[in-house]
């Protein structure tokens, strides 16, 4: 495992119980993503499930399809796809603690016969060519040092006619000098090598060979989640800062708090956005 991947794994190992406490709260979604708020959405739980539904519709996941959840977290989307779409899902993560949790949740939800989870790098999965109908990645590709390597690997393991969906944060423009500190807080706190610009990512999908591509800007649909997290972090930041100073909690959590605040500020400034890419092999 590369040094960067080790840092990503450590980040998720440490933050796993805090995502549970402050975000998904062991709801049906078990999701670590932002979620989509529709006009009738009332709760975070509903928003998280909305994103699963949207991506499943977009990628056309149906019963019996083989799906790779690239960067599966604790298995929330994989389990949802197995239960609600009848898909056979393989999830991969870099985090050993997440991997343990995926297996526990799969058993709890009665889908162990439809899902499997591995400790793997999504830029080098070692799966055979033409293995999957859909490659699904929610807020994970941002961690890739070389996003194009992920796209090449996804293209290789997709069957002909297979689809890819990537939901993630992107840059709409280069941060200006006054936004550099915000941007750096985002990268450091979420252990990101850098956010791809939407235009660059689209270009790399074309270079790899994907066709019939679409980009759907979902920034507005994710803003309520960003705002909720932003307010929570501002509320708890003094406590987190003090506990970090006392070495009661890991410094990773302080950096993570800054990153949550930074993401909202970057989106609000217009430099950042949340989008979904779709493509076909």
C-alpha atoms as a PDB file:
ATOM      1  CA  UNK A   1       0.000   0.000   0.000  1.00  0.00           C
ATOM      2  CA  UNK A   2       1.330   3.451  -0.893  1.00  0.00           C
ATOM      3  CA  UNK A   3       1.993   6.065   1.793  1.00  0.00           C
ATOM      4  CA  UNK A   4      -0.993   8.075   0.574  1.00  0.00           C
ATOM      5  CA  UNK A   5      -3.302   5.064   0.699  1.00  0.00           C
ATOM      6  CA  UNK A   6      -2.098   4.295   4.214  1.00  0.00           C
ATOM      7  CA  UNK A   7      -3.003   7.836   5.278  1.00  0.00           C
ATOM      8  CA  UNK A   8      -6.459   7.480   3.689  1.00  0.00           C
ATOM      9  CA  UNK A   9      -6.975   4.150   5.454  1.00  0.00           C
ATOM     10  CA  UNK A  10      -5.871   5.646   8.773  1.00  0.00           C
ATOM     11  CA  UNK A  11      -8.258   8.583   8.302  1.00  0.00           C
ATOM     12  CA  UNK A  12     -11.254   6.273   7.823  1.00  0.00           C
ATOM     13  CA  UNK A  13     -10.144   3.921  10.592  1.00  0.00           C
ATOM     14  CA  UNK A  14     -10.078   6.846  13.030  1.00  0.00           C
ATOM     15  CA  UNK A  15     -13.202   8.665  11.865  1.00  0.00           C
ATOM     16  CA  UNK A  16     -15.483   5.629  11.493  1.00  0.00           C
ATOM     17  CA  UNK A  17     -17.253   6.001  14.890  1.00  0.00           C
ATOM     18  CA  UNK A  18     -17.593   9.763  14.415  1.00  0.00           C
ATOM     19  CA  UNK A  19     -19.329   9.402  11.040  1.00  0.00           C
ATOM     20  CA  UNK A  20     -21.773   7.092  12.787  1.00  0.00           C
ATOM     21  CA  UNK A  21     -22.385   9.479  15.684  1.00  0.00           C
ATOM     22  CA  UNK A  22     -22.596  12.721  13.734  1.00  0.00           C
ATOM     23  CA  UNK A  23     -23.934  11.661  10.324  1.00  0.00           C
ATOM     24  CA  UNK A  24     -25.581   8.398   9.279  1.00  0.00           C
ATOM     25  CA  UNK A  25     -26.304   7.295  12.897  1.00  0.00           C
ATOM     26  CA  UNK A  26     -26.697   3.654  11.865  1.00  0.00           C
ATOM     27  CA  UNK A  27     -29.688   4.560   9.728  1.00  0.00           C
ATOM     28  CA  UNK A  28     -30.820   2.365   6.845  1.00  0.00           C
ATOM     29  CA  UNK A  29     -28.315   4.089   4.549  1.00  0.00           C
ATOM     30  CA  UNK A  30     -25.119   3.553   6.600  1.00  0.00           C
ATOM     31  CA  UNK A  31     -23.799   6.177   4.204  1.00  0.00           C
ATOM     32  CA  UNK A  32     -20.770   8.434   4.464  1.00  0.00           C
ATOM     33  CA  UNK A  33     -21.829  10.644   1.550  1.00  0.00           C
ATOM     34  CA  UNK A  34     -23.650  13.990   1.376  1.00  0.00           C
ATOM     35  CA  UNK A  35     -26.972  12.828  -0.062  1.00  0.00           C
ATOM     36  CA  UNK A  36     -29.462  14.594  -2.335  1.00  0.00           C
ATOM     37  CA  UNK A  37     -32.217  16.812  -0.977  1.00  0.00           C
ATOM     38  CA  UNK A  38     -35.385  16.923  -3.081  1.00  0.00           C
ATOM     39  CA  UNK A  39     -38.318  19.294  -2.530  1.00  0.00           C
ATOM     40  CA  UNK A  40     -40.033  16.811  -0.206  1.00  0.00           C
ATOM     41  CA  UNK A  41     -36.898  15.618   1.629  1.00  0.00           C
ATOM     42  CA  UNK A  42     -37.162  16.120   5.379  1.00  0.00           C
ATOM     43  CA  UNK A  43     -34.328  14.148   7.006  1.00  0.00           C
ATOM     44  CA  UNK A  44     -30.657  13.419   6.401  1.00  0.00           C
ATOM     45  CA  UNK A  45     -31.539   9.718   6.211  1.00  0.00           C
ATOM     46  CA  UNK A  46     -33.896  10.401   3.299  1.00  0.00           C
ATOM     47  CA  UNK A  47     -31.281  12.528   1.529  1.00  0.00           C
ATOM     48  CA  UNK A  48     -28.696   9.758   1.818  1.00  0.00           C
ATOM     49  CA  UNK A  49     -31.090   7.189   0.376  1.00  0.00           C
ATOM     50  CA  UNK A  50     -32.076   9.612  -2.395  1.00  0.00           C
ATOM     51  CA  UNK A  51     -28.511   9.603  -3.691  1.00  0.00           C
ATOM     52  CA  UNK A  52     -28.473   5.810  -3.849  1.00  0.00           C
ATOM     53  CA  UNK A  53     -31.792   5.824  -5.717  1.00  0.00           C
ATOM     54  CA  UNK A  54     -30.646   8.495  -8.161  1.00  0.00           C
ATOM     55  CA  UNK A  55     -27.396   6.733  -9.023  1.00  0.00           C
ATOM     56  CA  UNK A  56     -29.097   3.348  -9.329  1.00  0.00           C
ATOM     57  CA  UNK A  57     -31.612   4.786 -11.788  1.00  0.00           C
ATOM     58  CA  UNK A  58     -28.916   6.612 -13.728  1.00  0.00           C
ATOM     59  CA  UNK A  59     -26.688   3.548 -14.056  1.00  0.00           C
ATOM     60  CA  UNK A  60     -29.617   1.188 -14.656  1.00  0.00           C
ATOM     61  CA  UNK A  61     -28.826  -1.295 -11.905  1.00  0.00           C
ATOM     62  CA  UNK A  62     -31.218  -4.245 -12.067  1.00  0.00           C
ATOM     63  CA  UNK A  63     -31.493  -7.675 -10.485  1.00  0.00           C
ATOM     64  CA  UNK A  64     -28.524  -9.963 -11.070  1.00  0.00           C
ATOM     65  CA  UNK A  65     -26.166  -7.266 -12.295  1.00  0.00           C
ATOM     66  CA  UNK A  66     -22.599  -7.282 -11.003  1.00  0.00           C
ATOM     67  CA  UNK A  67     -21.645  -3.956  -9.438  1.00  0.00           C
ATOM     68  CA  UNK A  68     -18.309  -2.798  -8.088  1.00  0.00           C
ATOM     69  CA  UNK A  69     -18.628  -0.253  -5.277  1.00  0.00           C
ATOM     70  CA  UNK A  70     -15.223   1.405  -5.545  1.00  0.00           C
ATOM     71  CA  UNK A  71     -14.504   2.906  -2.151  1.00  0.00           C
ATOM     72  CA  UNK A  72     -17.449   1.268  -0.419  1.00  0.00           C
ATOM     73  CA  UNK A  73     -17.122   2.771   3.051  1.00  0.00           C
ATOM     74  CA  UNK A  74     -18.957   0.556   5.543  1.00  0.00           C
ATOM     75  CA  UNK A  75     -20.988  -1.033   2.754  1.00  0.00           C
ATOM     76  CA  UNK A  76     -24.073   1.179   2.892  1.00  0.00           C
ATOM     77  CA  UNK A  77     -24.633   1.542  -0.850  1.00  0.00           C
ATOM     78  CA  UNK A  78     -23.578  -2.033  -1.610  1.00  0.00           C
ATOM     79  CA  UNK A  79     -26.076  -3.429   0.875  1.00  0.00           C
ATOM     80  CA  UNK A  80     -28.789  -1.062  -0.373  1.00  0.00           C
ATOM     81  CA  UNK A  81     -28.202  -2.170  -3.984  1.00  0.00           C
ATOM     82  CA  UNK A  82     -28.379  -5.826  -2.980  1.00  0.00           C
ATOM     83  CA  UNK A  83     -31.588  -5.376  -0.958  1.00  0.00           C
ATOM     84  CA  UNK A  84     -33.426  -2.935  -3.203  1.00  0.00           C
ATOM     85  CA  UNK A  85     -32.123  -3.760  -6.682  1.00  0.00           C
ATOM     86  CA  UNK A  86     -31.195  -7.411  -6.360  1.00  0.00           C
ATOM     87  CA  UNK A  87     -27.677  -6.682  -7.572  1.00  0.00           C
ATOM     88  CA  UNK A  88     -24.605  -8.745  -6.771  1.00  0.00           C
ATOM     89  CA  UNK A  89     -22.183  -6.218  -5.329  1.00  0.00           C
ATOM     90  CA  UNK A  90     -18.474  -6.282  -4.657  1.00  0.00           C
ATOM     91  CA  UNK A  91     -17.240  -3.519  -2.385  1.00  0.00           C
ATOM     92  CA  UNK A  92     -13.626  -2.507  -1.928  1.00  0.00           C
ATOM     93  CA  UNK A  93     -12.031  -0.255   0.669  1.00  0.00           C
ATOM     94  CA  UNK A  94      -8.581   0.632   1.997  1.00  0.00           C
ATOM     95  CA  UNK A  95      -9.738   0.674   5.631  1.00  0.00           C
ATOM     96  CA  UNK A  96      -9.550  -2.496   7.729  1.00  0.00           C
ATOM     97  CA  UNK A  97     -12.060  -1.123  10.233  1.00  0.00           C
ATOM     98  CA  UNK A  98     -14.499  -0.342   7.438  1.00  0.00           C
ATOM     99  CA  UNK A  99     -14.010  -3.839   6.030  1.00  0.00           C
ATOM    100  CA  UNK A 100     -14.898  -5.382   9.393  1.00  0.00           C
ATOM    101  CA  UNK A 101     -18.021  -3.228   9.600  1.00  0.00           C
ATOM    102  CA  UNK A 102     -19.161  -4.136   6.060  1.00  0.00           C
ATOM    103  CA  UNK A 103     -19.287  -7.809   6.923  1.00  0.00           C
ATOM    104  CA  UNK A 104     -21.152  -7.146  10.155  1.00  0.00           C
ATOM    105  CA  UNK A 105     -23.756  -5.017   8.367  1.00  0.00           C
ATOM    106  CA  UNK A 106     -24.147  -7.460   5.470  1.00  0.00           C
ATOM    107  CA  UNK A 107     -25.031 -10.196   7.949  1.00  0.00           C
ATOM    108  CA  UNK A 108     -27.361  -7.880   9.871  1.00  0.00           C
ATOM    109  CA  UNK A 109     -29.265  -7.035   6.657  1.00  0.00           C
ATOM    110  CA  UNK A 110     -29.342 -10.626   5.395  1.00  0.00           C
ATOM    111  CA  UNK A 111     -27.442 -10.055   2.145  1.00  0.00           C
ATOM    112  CA  UNK A 112     -24.218 -12.009   2.692  1.00  0.00           C
ATOM    113  CA  UNK A 113     -25.117 -14.153  -0.325  1.00  0.00           C
ATOM    114  CA  UNK A 114     -25.260 -11.079  -2.582  1.00  0.00           C
ATOM    115  CA  UNK A 115     -22.339  -8.948  -1.388  1.00  0.00           C
ATOM    116  CA  UNK A 116     -18.645  -9.442  -0.830  1.00  0.00           C
ATOM    117  CA  UNK A 117     -16.029  -7.034   0.421  1.00  0.00           C
ATOM    118  CA  UNK A 118     -12.264  -6.788   0.009  1.00  0.00           C
ATOM    119  CA  UNK A 119      -9.325  -4.668   1.070  1.00  0.00           C
ATOM    120  CA  UNK A 120      -8.225  -3.327  -2.327  1.00  0.00           C
ATOM    121  CA  UNK A 121      -7.013  -0.243  -4.211  1.00  0.00           C
ATOM    122  CA  UNK A 122      -9.536   0.829  -6.859  1.00  0.00           C
ATOM    123  CA  UNK A 123      -6.727   1.879  -9.217  1.00  0.00           C
ATOM    124  CA  UNK A 124      -5.388  -1.697  -9.222  1.00  0.00           C
ATOM    125  CA  UNK A 125      -8.173  -4.109  -8.282  1.00  0.00           C
ATOM    126  CA  UNK A 126      -6.691  -7.293  -9.822  1.00  0.00           C
ATOM    127  CA  UNK A 127     -10.182  -8.312 -10.938  1.00  0.00           C
ATOM    128  CA  UNK A 128     -10.392  -9.925 -14.413  1.00  0.00           C
ATOM    129  CA  UNK A 129     -11.221  -7.861 -17.493  1.00  0.00           C
ATOM    130  CA  UNK A 130     -14.924  -7.413 -18.295  1.00  0.00           C
ATOM    131  CA  UNK A 131     -16.082  -8.402 -14.800  1.00  0.00           C
ATOM    132  CA  UNK A 132     -18.748  -5.835 -13.917  1.00  0.00           C
ATOM    133  CA  UNK A 133     -21.890  -4.288 -15.357  1.00  0.00           C
ATOM    134  CA  UNK A 134     -21.520  -1.113 -13.280  1.00  0.00           C
ATOM    135  CA  UNK A 135     -18.667   0.642 -11.498  1.00  0.00           C
ATOM    136  CA  UNK A 136     -20.076   2.855  -8.762  1.00  0.00           C
ATOM    137  CA  UNK A 137     -18.016   5.389  -6.803  1.00  0.00           C
ATOM    138  CA  UNK A 138     -19.425   7.855  -4.277  1.00  0.00           C
ATOM    139  CA  UNK A 139     -17.026  10.419  -2.814  1.00  0.00           C
ATOM    140  CA  UNK A 140     -14.056   8.094  -3.125  1.00  0.00           C
ATOM    141  CA  UNK A 141     -12.320   9.028  -6.383  1.00  0.00           C
ATOM    142  CA  UNK A 142     -11.330  12.353  -4.806  1.00  0.00           C
ATOM    143  CA  UNK A 143      -8.791  10.343  -2.789  1.00  0.00           C
ATOM    144  CA  UNK A 144      -7.009   9.024  -5.898  1.00  0.00           C
ATOM    145  CA  UNK A 145      -3.637  10.622  -6.562  1.00  0.00           C
ATOM    146  CA  UNK A 146      -4.115   9.901 -10.271  1.00  0.00           C
ATOM    147  CA  UNK A 147      -7.825   9.980 -11.131  1.00  0.00           C
ATOM    148  CA  UNK A 148      -7.092   8.749 -14.644  1.00  0.00           C
ATOM    149  CA  UNK A 149      -5.642   5.524 -13.215  1.00  0.00           C
ATOM    150  CA  UNK A 150      -8.992   4.872 -11.550  1.00  0.00           C
ATOM    151  CA  UNK A 151     -10.827   5.541 -14.819  1.00  0.00           C
ATOM    152  CA  UNK A 152      -8.521   3.195 -16.751  1.00  0.00           C
ATOM    153  CA  UNK A 153      -9.052   0.433 -14.212  1.00  0.00           C
ATOM    154  CA  UNK A 154     -12.817   0.977 -14.217  1.00  0.00           C
ATOM    155  CA  UNK A 155     -12.879   0.801 -18.004  1.00  0.00           C
ATOM    156  CA  UNK A 156     -10.824  -2.413 -17.980  1.00  0.00           C
ATOM    157  CA  UNK A 157     -13.036  -4.284 -15.545  1.00  0.00           C
ATOM    158  CA  UNK A 158     -16.335  -3.124 -17.058  1.00  0.00           C
ATOM    159  CA  UNK A 159     -18.117  -5.365 -19.545  1.00  0.00           C
ATOM    160  CA  UNK A 160     -18.810  -3.959 -22.994  1.00  0.00           C
ATOM    161  CA  UNK A 161     -21.800  -1.661 -22.600  1.00  0.00           C
ATOM    162  CA  UNK A 162     -21.126  -1.374 -18.869  1.00  0.00           C
ATOM    163  CA  UNK A 163     -21.654   1.926 -17.056  1.00  0.00           C
ATOM    164  CA  UNK A 164     -19.702   4.043 -14.620  1.00  0.00           C
ATOM    165  CA  UNK A 165     -21.150   6.541 -12.129  1.00  0.00           C
ATOM    166  CA  UNK A 166     -18.945   8.830 -10.079  1.00  0.00           C
ATOM    167  CA  UNK A 167     -20.486  11.186  -7.507  1.00  0.00           C
ATOM    168  CA  UNK A 168     -17.958  13.515  -5.933  1.00  0.00           C
ATOM    169  CA  UNK A 169     -16.686  16.984  -5.229  1.00  0.00           C
ATOM    170  CA  UNK A 170     -14.995  18.834  -8.098  1.00  0.00           C
ATOM    171  CA  UNK A 171     -13.515  22.221  -8.814  1.00  0.00           C
ATOM    172  CA  UNK A 172     -15.471  24.572 -11.045  1.00  0.00           C
ATOM    173  CA  UNK A 173     -12.483  26.881 -11.227  1.00  0.00           C
ATOM    174  CA  UNK A 174      -9.044  27.225  -9.694  1.00  0.00           C
ATOM    175  CA  UNK A 175      -9.223  28.665  -6.158  1.00  0.00           C
ATOM    176  CA  UNK A 176      -8.066  32.266  -6.072  1.00  0.00           C
ATOM    177  CA  UNK A 177      -5.349  33.433  -3.627  1.00  0.00           C
ATOM    178  CA  UNK A 178      -7.907  34.324  -0.941  1.00  0.00           C
ATOM    179  CA  UNK A 179      -9.332  30.780  -1.145  1.00  0.00           C
ATOM    180  CA  UNK A 180      -6.023  28.915  -0.975  1.00  0.00           C
ATOM    181  CA  UNK A 181      -6.105  28.444   2.808  1.00  0.00           C
ATOM    182  CA  UNK A 182      -9.668  27.133   2.606  1.00  0.00           C
ATOM    183  CA  UNK A 183      -8.722  24.747  -0.196  1.00  0.00           C
ATOM    184  CA  UNK A 184      -5.642  23.489   1.649  1.00  0.00           C
ATOM    185  CA  UNK A 185      -7.720  22.888   4.800  1.00  0.00           C
ATOM    186  CA  UNK A 186     -10.087  20.816   2.677  1.00  0.00           C
ATOM    187  CA  UNK A 187      -7.300  18.707   1.205  1.00  0.00           C
ATOM    188  CA  UNK A 188      -5.476  18.157   4.485  1.00  0.00           C
ATOM    189  CA  UNK A 189      -8.568  17.381   6.545  1.00  0.00           C
ATOM    190  CA  UNK A 190     -10.062  14.880   4.074  1.00  0.00           C
ATOM    191  CA  UNK A 191      -6.656  13.452   3.040  1.00  0.00           C
ATOM    192  CA  UNK A 192      -7.055  14.476  -0.588  1.00  0.00           C
ATOM    193  CA  UNK A 193      -4.163  14.922  -3.028  1.00  0.00           C
ATOM    194  CA  UNK A 194      -6.277  17.489  -4.886  1.00  0.00           C
ATOM    195  CA  UNK A 195      -9.750  17.902  -6.343  1.00  0.00           C
ATOM    196  CA  UNK A 196     -10.121  17.347 -10.072  1.00  0.00           C
ATOM    197  CA  UNK A 197     -11.744  20.038 -12.119  1.00  0.00           C
ATOM    198  CA  UNK A 198     -14.959  18.870 -13.746  1.00  0.00           C
ATOM    199  CA  UNK A 199     -13.538  19.715 -17.198  1.00  0.00           C
ATOM    200  CA  UNK A 200     -10.331  17.761 -16.587  1.00  0.00           C
ATOM    201  CA  UNK A 201     -12.205  14.717 -15.326  1.00  0.00           C
ATOM    202  CA  UNK A 202     -14.495  14.784 -18.346  1.00  0.00           C
ATOM    203  CA  UNK A 203     -11.467  14.972 -20.640  1.00  0.00           C
ATOM    204  CA  UNK A 204      -9.826  12.007 -18.931  1.00  0.00           C
ATOM    205  CA  UNK A 205     -12.987   9.936 -19.310  1.00  0.00           C
ATOM    206  CA  UNK A 206     -12.891  10.646 -23.050  1.00  0.00           C
ATOM    207  CA  UNK A 207      -9.197   9.731 -23.257  1.00  0.00           C
ATOM    208  CA  UNK A 208      -9.801   6.428 -21.479  1.00  0.00           C
ATOM    209  CA  UNK A 209     -12.580   5.538 -23.921  1.00  0.00           C
ATOM    210  CA  UNK A 210     -15.882   6.233 -22.193  1.00  0.00           C
ATOM    211  CA  UNK A 211     -18.747   7.390 -24.401  1.00  0.00           C
ATOM    212  CA  UNK A 212     -22.264   8.792 -24.034  1.00  0.00           C
ATOM    213  CA  UNK A 213     -20.990  10.773 -21.079  1.00  0.00           C
ATOM    214  CA  UNK A 214     -23.034  13.077 -18.916  1.00  0.00           C
ATOM    215  CA  UNK A 215     -22.222  15.467 -16.112  1.00  0.00           C
ATOM    216  CA  UNK A 216     -25.015  16.381 -13.714  1.00  0.00           C
ATOM    217  CA  UNK A 217     -24.344  19.258 -11.374  1.00  0.00           C
ATOM    218  CA  UNK A 218     -25.892  18.289  -8.023  1.00  0.00           C
ATOM    219  CA  UNK A 219     -24.420  21.112  -5.940  1.00  0.00           C
ATOM    220  CA  UNK A 220     -27.800  22.555  -4.994  1.00  0.00           C
ATOM    221  CA  UNK A 221     -29.126  19.137  -3.971  1.00  0.00           C
ATOM    222  CA  UNK A 222     -26.169  18.600  -1.617  1.00  0.00           C
ATOM    223  CA  UNK A 223     -26.067  22.105  -0.108  1.00  0.00           C
ATOM    224  CA  UNK A 224     -28.454  21.328   2.775  1.00  0.00           C
ATOM    225  CA  UNK A 225     -26.134  18.523   3.932  1.00  0.00           C
ATOM    226  CA  UNK A 226     -23.104  20.778   3.572  1.00  0.00           C
ATOM    227  CA  UNK A 227     -24.849  23.471   5.572  1.00  0.00           C
ATOM    228  CA  UNK A 228     -25.865  21.036   8.334  1.00  0.00           C
ATOM    229  CA  UNK A 229     -22.313  19.725   8.664  1.00  0.00           C
ATOM    230  CA  UNK A 230     -20.896  23.242   8.552  1.00  0.00           C
ATOM    231  CA  UNK A 231     -23.129  24.366  11.431  1.00  0.00           C
ATOM    232  CA  UNK A 232     -22.371  21.248  13.466  1.00  0.00           C
ATOM    233  CA  UNK A 233     -18.642  21.687  13.024  1.00  0.00           C
ATOM    234  CA  UNK A 234     -18.750  25.357  14.034  1.00  0.00           C
ATOM    235  CA  UNK A 235     -20.712  24.346  17.113  1.00  0.00           C
ATOM    236  CA  UNK A 236     -18.310  21.586  18.144  1.00  0.00           C
ATOM    237  CA  UNK A 237     -15.069  23.114  16.840  1.00  0.00           C
ATOM    238  CA  UNK A 238     -14.029  24.770  20.155  1.00  0.00           C
ATOM    239  CA  UNK A 239     -14.531  21.462  21.975  1.00  0.00           C
ATOM    240  CA  UNK A 240     -12.706  19.475  19.295  1.00  0.00           C
ATOM    241  CA  UNK A 241      -9.857  21.987  19.298  1.00  0.00           C
ATOM    242  CA  UNK A 242      -9.516  21.832  23.084  1.00  0.00           C
ATOM    243  CA  UNK A 243      -9.653  18.025  23.235  1.00  0.00           C
ATOM    244  CA  UNK A 244      -7.114  17.785  20.425  1.00  0.00           C
ATOM    245  CA  UNK A 245      -4.814  20.178  22.308  1.00  0.00           C
ATOM    246  CA  UNK A 246      -5.111  17.927  25.377  1.00  0.00           C
ATOM    247  CA  UNK A 247      -4.389  14.874  23.149  1.00  0.00           C
ATOM    248  CA  UNK A 248      -7.673  13.326  24.246  1.00  0.00           C
ATOM    249  CA  UNK A 249      -8.739  12.867  20.603  1.00  0.00           C
ATOM    250  CA  UNK A 250      -6.589  12.441  17.476  1.00  0.00           C
ATOM    251  CA  UNK A 251      -5.494  15.575  15.624  1.00  0.00           C
ATOM    252  CA  UNK A 252      -7.122  14.022  12.537  1.00  0.00           C
ATOM    253  CA  UNK A 253     -10.512  15.035  13.942  1.00  0.00           C
ATOM    254  CA  UNK A 254      -9.486  18.672  14.271  1.00  0.00           C
ATOM    255  CA  UNK A 255      -8.268  18.704  10.669  1.00  0.00           C
ATOM    256  CA  UNK A 256     -11.471  16.972   9.597  1.00  0.00           C
ATOM    257  CA  UNK A 257     -13.553  19.685  11.282  1.00  0.00           C
ATOM    258  CA  UNK A 258     -11.645  22.339   9.338  1.00  0.00           C
ATOM    259  CA  UNK A 259     -12.208  20.398   6.113  1.00  0.00           C
ATOM    260  CA  UNK A 260     -15.987  20.225   6.627  1.00  0.00           C
ATOM    261  CA  UNK A 261     -16.072  23.984   7.161  1.00  0.00           C
ATOM    262  CA  UNK A 262     -13.784  24.533   4.163  1.00  0.00           C
ATOM    263  CA  UNK A 263     -15.952  22.483   1.806  1.00  0.00           C
ATOM    264  CA  UNK A 264     -19.018  24.601   2.536  1.00  0.00           C
ATOM    265  CA  UNK A 265     -17.027  27.799   2.064  1.00  0.00           C
ATOM    266  CA  UNK A 266     -15.514  26.578  -1.205  1.00  0.00           C
ATOM    267  CA  UNK A 267     -18.919  25.609  -2.605  1.00  0.00           C
ATOM    268  CA  UNK A 268     -20.457  28.873  -1.423  1.00  0.00           C
ATOM    269  CA  UNK A 269     -17.690  30.854  -3.168  1.00  0.00           C
ATOM    270  CA  UNK A 270     -18.373  29.069  -6.460  1.00  0.00           C
ATOM    271  CA  UNK A 271     -14.949  27.427  -6.687  1.00  0.00           C
ATOM    272  CA  UNK A 272     -16.234  23.990  -5.689  1.00  0.00           C
ATOM    273  CA  UNK A 273     -19.184  21.902  -6.802  1.00  0.00           C
ATOM    274  CA  UNK A 274     -20.717  18.470  -6.358  1.00  0.00           C
ATOM    275  CA  UNK A 275     -21.391  16.529  -9.502  1.00  0.00           C
ATOM    276  CA  UNK A 276     -22.186  13.127 -10.969  1.00  0.00           C
ATOM    277  CA  UNK A 277     -20.381  11.749 -14.010  1.00  0.00           C
ATOM    278  CA  UNK A 278     -21.899   8.963 -16.087  1.00  0.00           C
ATOM    279  CA  UNK A 279     -20.274   7.088 -18.953  1.00  0.00           C
ATOM    280  CA  UNK A 280     -20.507   3.868 -20.935  1.00  0.00           C
ATOM    281  CA  UNK A 281     -17.902   1.442 -22.228  1.00  0.00           C
END
